[in-house]
């Protein structure tokens, strides 16, 4: 049973992770692989709205996606986008990345090899990964402009859609930890984290939402 305090703390983290960037057309849309097929839905919607002429889906598999996406996250994303009417000619596939840093680096290399000039990136992730994705691409691909985006889901609606509150809470906590520790390893830029967010994060850790935490000392 999740306490009212934990629900309130999770909402604080949810709100912080969202960047609230204003959408605008970019050179390419990059859909970051994950367990959430809704990312592909959002990519397809934004493509149809003219927000990017080209799409990259990136991602292999992980412990949370191996069963539901056995052919790889990027492959399943592409299949979903095609089902929604996106033409295959505008989709590039990057099927090897296993973390956010590799998502960015491998996508950048793929686009360079394809001869695509990239001035701006529409970076599409899960709602609670917006800030982490933004911090990562600003470190690894600083020369491009970035619009960080996700599906416009309300917190409770998103939890209900996945049917697993504990997973969402664990992911929210894990994303904050990476914002705290990854800058010192050169994986992302450092960002200001309000004291209230840190306090909510620490309470959720104490409450046991720790399955997505990196071990101490891990890079």
Protein backbone atom coordinates (compact mmCIF):
# COMPACT_ATOMS: atom_id res chain seq x y z
CA UNK A 1 0.00 0.00 0.00
CA UNK A 2 1.51 3.32 -1.06
CA UNK A 3 1.13 6.10 1.50
CA UNK A 4 -0.37 9.53 0.79
CA UNK A 5 3.05 11.06 1.50
CA UNK A 6 4.68 8.87 -1.13
CA UNK A 7 2.01 9.80 -3.69
CA UNK A 8 2.62 13.48 -2.94
CA UNK A 9 6.39 13.03 -3.19
CA UNK A 10 6.10 11.16 -6.47
CA UNK A 11 4.04 14.02 -7.92
CA UNK A 12 6.79 16.48 -6.90
CA UNK A 13 9.36 14.40 -8.81
CA UNK A 14 7.01 14.01 -11.79
CA UNK A 15 6.56 17.79 -12.06
CA UNK A 16 10.30 18.41 -11.77
CA UNK A 17 11.23 15.91 -14.48
CA UNK A 18 9.08 17.70 -17.06
CA UNK A 19 10.84 20.52 -18.92
CA UNK A 20 7.75 22.28 -20.34
CA UNK A 21 9.57 23.23 -23.54
CA UNK A 22 7.50 24.93 -26.21
CA UNK A 23 7.15 22.63 -29.21
CA UNK A 24 8.59 23.82 -32.50
CA UNK A 25 9.78 22.15 -35.73
CA UNK A 26 13.22 20.52 -35.50
CA UNK A 27 15.63 18.80 -37.90
CA UNK A 28 14.90 15.35 -36.51
CA UNK A 29 12.79 13.63 -33.86
CA UNK A 30 14.55 11.05 -31.70
CA UNK A 31 12.36 8.59 -29.80
CA UNK A 32 14.22 7.15 -26.82
CA UNK A 33 13.58 3.46 -26.24
CA UNK A 34 11.94 2.29 -23.02
CA UNK A 35 9.14 0.08 -21.70
CA UNK A 36 6.61 2.76 -22.68
CA UNK A 37 5.24 2.30 -26.20
CA UNK A 38 3.49 5.63 -25.75
CA UNK A 39 6.76 7.29 -26.75
CA UNK A 40 6.24 5.97 -30.27
CA UNK A 41 2.67 7.26 -30.24
CA UNK A 42 3.91 10.74 -29.34
CA UNK A 43 6.61 10.64 -32.01
CA UNK A 44 4.01 9.69 -34.62
CA UNK A 45 1.67 12.47 -33.51
CA UNK A 46 4.38 15.12 -33.59
CA UNK A 47 5.60 13.93 -36.99
CA UNK A 48 2.07 14.31 -38.37
CA UNK A 49 1.96 17.82 -36.90
CA UNK A 50 5.05 18.73 -38.92
CA UNK A 51 7.42 18.96 -35.98
CA UNK A 52 10.17 16.91 -37.70
CA UNK A 53 10.68 15.52 -41.23
CA UNK A 54 12.77 12.58 -40.02
CA UNK A 55 12.57 10.14 -37.11
CA UNK A 56 15.16 8.04 -35.30
CA UNK A 57 13.99 5.30 -32.94
CA UNK A 58 16.77 4.13 -30.64
CA UNK A 59 17.02 1.30 -28.12
CA UNK A 60 17.91 -2.36 -27.66
CA UNK A 61 16.32 -4.23 -24.75
CA UNK A 62 16.61 -4.10 -20.98
CA UNK A 63 15.36 -6.10 -18.02
CA UNK A 64 12.09 -4.16 -18.11
CA UNK A 65 11.52 -4.53 -21.87
CA UNK A 66 12.90 -7.94 -22.80
CA UNK A 67 9.58 -9.76 -22.46
CA UNK A 68 7.22 -7.13 -23.86
CA UNK A 69 9.57 -5.97 -26.65
CA UNK A 70 11.57 -9.06 -27.61
CA UNK A 71 12.66 -7.64 -30.98
CA UNK A 72 14.11 -4.55 -29.32
CA UNK A 73 12.65 -1.23 -28.23
CA UNK A 74 13.52 0.65 -31.42
CA UNK A 75 12.02 -2.08 -33.60
CA UNK A 76 8.76 -2.15 -31.66
CA UNK A 77 8.61 1.66 -31.70
CA UNK A 78 9.03 1.67 -35.46
CA UNK A 79 6.33 -0.95 -35.91
CA UNK A 80 3.97 1.10 -33.76
CA UNK A 81 4.69 4.30 -35.70
CA UNK A 82 4.05 2.56 -39.02
CA UNK A 83 0.75 1.23 -37.66
CA UNK A 84 -0.17 4.86 -36.90
CA UNK A 85 0.51 5.95 -40.46
CA UNK A 86 4.10 7.17 -40.37
CA UNK A 87 5.82 6.30 -43.69
CA UNK A 88 8.72 3.90 -43.36
CA UNK A 89 10.86 6.16 -45.56
CA UNK A 90 11.19 8.76 -42.79
CA UNK A 91 12.21 6.33 -40.02
CA UNK A 92 15.80 5.42 -39.16
CA UNK A 93 16.50 2.60 -36.71
CA UNK A 94 19.22 2.47 -34.05
CA UNK A 95 18.81 -0.92 -32.32
CA UNK A 96 21.91 -1.19 -30.11
CA UNK A 97 21.71 1.53 -27.43
CA UNK A 98 21.24 0.28 -23.87
CA UNK A 99 21.15 3.56 -21.94
CA UNK A 100 20.36 7.23 -22.52
CA UNK A 101 23.96 8.16 -23.31
CA UNK A 102 24.17 5.48 -25.97
CA UNK A 103 20.76 6.54 -27.33
CA UNK A 104 22.22 9.99 -27.99
CA UNK A 105 25.68 8.96 -29.17
CA UNK A 106 24.49 6.18 -31.47
CA UNK A 107 21.71 8.32 -32.93
CA UNK A 108 24.17 11.12 -33.61
CA UNK A 109 26.52 8.71 -35.40
CA UNK A 110 23.65 7.19 -37.40
CA UNK A 111 22.53 10.60 -38.64
CA UNK A 112 26.08 11.63 -39.48
CA UNK A 113 26.60 8.43 -41.50
CA UNK A 114 23.33 9.12 -43.32
CA UNK A 115 24.56 12.59 -44.23
CA UNK A 116 21.77 14.35 -42.33
CA UNK A 117 22.54 17.88 -41.16
CA UNK A 118 21.11 18.30 -37.67
CA UNK A 119 20.66 21.79 -36.26
CA UNK A 120 17.94 20.89 -33.75
CA UNK A 121 16.56 17.76 -32.08
CA UNK A 122 13.05 17.02 -30.88
CA UNK A 123 13.94 14.60 -28.09
CA UNK A 124 10.98 12.44 -27.08
CA UNK A 125 11.01 10.29 -23.95
CA UNK A 126 8.76 9.10 -21.16
CA UNK A 127 7.28 12.02 -19.19
CA UNK A 128 9.55 11.43 -16.21
CA UNK A 129 12.68 11.17 -18.38
CA UNK A 130 12.44 14.57 -20.06
CA UNK A 131 14.97 16.31 -17.81
CA UNK A 132 17.41 13.42 -17.75
CA UNK A 133 17.28 13.12 -21.54
CA UNK A 134 17.79 16.87 -21.93
CA UNK A 135 20.76 16.93 -19.53
CA UNK A 136 22.34 14.02 -21.40
CA UNK A 137 22.05 15.43 -24.91
CA UNK A 138 23.28 18.86 -23.79
CA UNK A 139 26.45 17.16 -22.57
CA UNK A 140 27.00 14.73 -25.46
CA UNK A 141 25.71 16.80 -28.38
CA UNK A 142 26.04 20.43 -27.25
CA UNK A 143 26.07 21.96 -30.72
CA UNK A 144 22.40 21.20 -31.43
CA UNK A 145 19.34 22.98 -30.11
CA UNK A 146 17.04 20.70 -28.12
CA UNK A 147 13.32 20.54 -27.49
CA UNK A 148 12.56 17.93 -24.84
CA UNK A 149 9.08 16.43 -25.12
CA UNK A 150 6.85 13.56 -24.02
CA UNK A 151 3.22 12.53 -24.08
CA UNK A 152 1.03 15.18 -22.37
CA UNK A 153 -0.25 12.78 -19.74
CA UNK A 154 -1.39 13.76 -16.26
CA UNK A 155 0.44 11.98 -13.45
CA UNK A 156 -2.41 9.76 -12.24
CA UNK A 157 -3.54 9.00 -15.78
CA UNK A 158 -0.02 7.90 -16.68
CA UNK A 159 0.25 5.63 -13.65
CA UNK A 160 -3.14 4.12 -14.48
CA UNK A 161 -2.14 3.56 -18.10
CA UNK A 162 0.86 1.47 -17.06
CA UNK A 163 -0.99 -0.31 -14.27
CA UNK A 164 2.11 -0.39 -12.06
CA UNK A 165 2.53 2.49 -9.62
CA UNK A 166 5.58 0.93 -7.98
CA UNK A 167 7.42 0.84 -11.33
CA UNK A 168 6.64 4.50 -12.00
CA UNK A 169 7.75 5.52 -8.51
CA UNK A 170 10.96 3.52 -8.84
CA UNK A 171 11.67 5.15 -12.21
CA UNK A 172 11.00 8.65 -10.85
CA UNK A 173 13.47 8.02 -8.03
CA UNK A 174 16.10 6.49 -10.30
CA UNK A 175 15.95 9.44 -12.68
CA UNK A 176 16.58 11.92 -9.86
CA UNK A 177 19.54 9.90 -8.59
CA UNK A 178 21.12 10.06 -12.03
CA UNK A 179 20.63 13.81 -12.16
CA UNK A 180 22.50 13.97 -8.86
CA UNK A 181 25.44 11.70 -9.66
CA UNK A 182 25.90 11.53 -13.43
CA UNK A 183 27.27 15.07 -13.96
CA UNK A 184 30.39 14.23 -11.94
CA UNK A 185 31.04 11.31 -14.31
CA UNK A 186 30.65 13.47 -17.40
CA UNK A 187 27.43 11.75 -18.51
CA UNK A 188 25.21 14.86 -18.42
CA UNK A 189 25.21 18.53 -17.58
CA UNK A 190 24.56 19.60 -13.99
CA UNK A 191 21.16 21.10 -13.23
CA UNK A 192 19.71 22.87 -10.24
CA UNK A 193 17.62 20.50 -8.13
CA UNK A 194 15.34 22.29 -5.65
CA UNK A 195 15.55 21.30 -1.99
CA UNK A 196 11.92 20.16 -2.05
CA UNK A 197 12.68 17.73 -4.87
CA UNK A 198 15.68 16.31 -3.02
CA UNK A 199 13.60 15.89 0.14
CA UNK A 200 10.84 14.08 -1.78
CA UNK A 201 13.44 11.87 -3.44
CA UNK A 202 15.00 10.95 -0.09
CA UNK A 203 11.63 10.12 1.46
CA UNK A 204 10.76 7.86 -1.46
CA UNK A 205 14.11 6.11 -1.10
CA UNK A 206 13.36 5.53 2.58
CA UNK A 207 9.92 4.23 1.63
CA UNK A 208 11.59 1.54 -0.47
CA UNK A 209 11.22 2.78 -4.05
CA UNK A 210 14.80 1.87 -4.85
CA UNK A 211 14.82 -0.82 -7.54
CA UNK A 212 16.10 1.64 -10.19
CA UNK A 213 18.87 3.13 -8.07
CA UNK A 214 22.48 2.77 -9.17
CA UNK A 215 24.75 1.07 -6.59
CA UNK A 216 26.90 3.42 -4.55
CA UNK A 217 30.07 4.27 -6.40
CA UNK A 218 28.64 3.22 -9.76
CA UNK A 219 29.22 5.42 -12.80
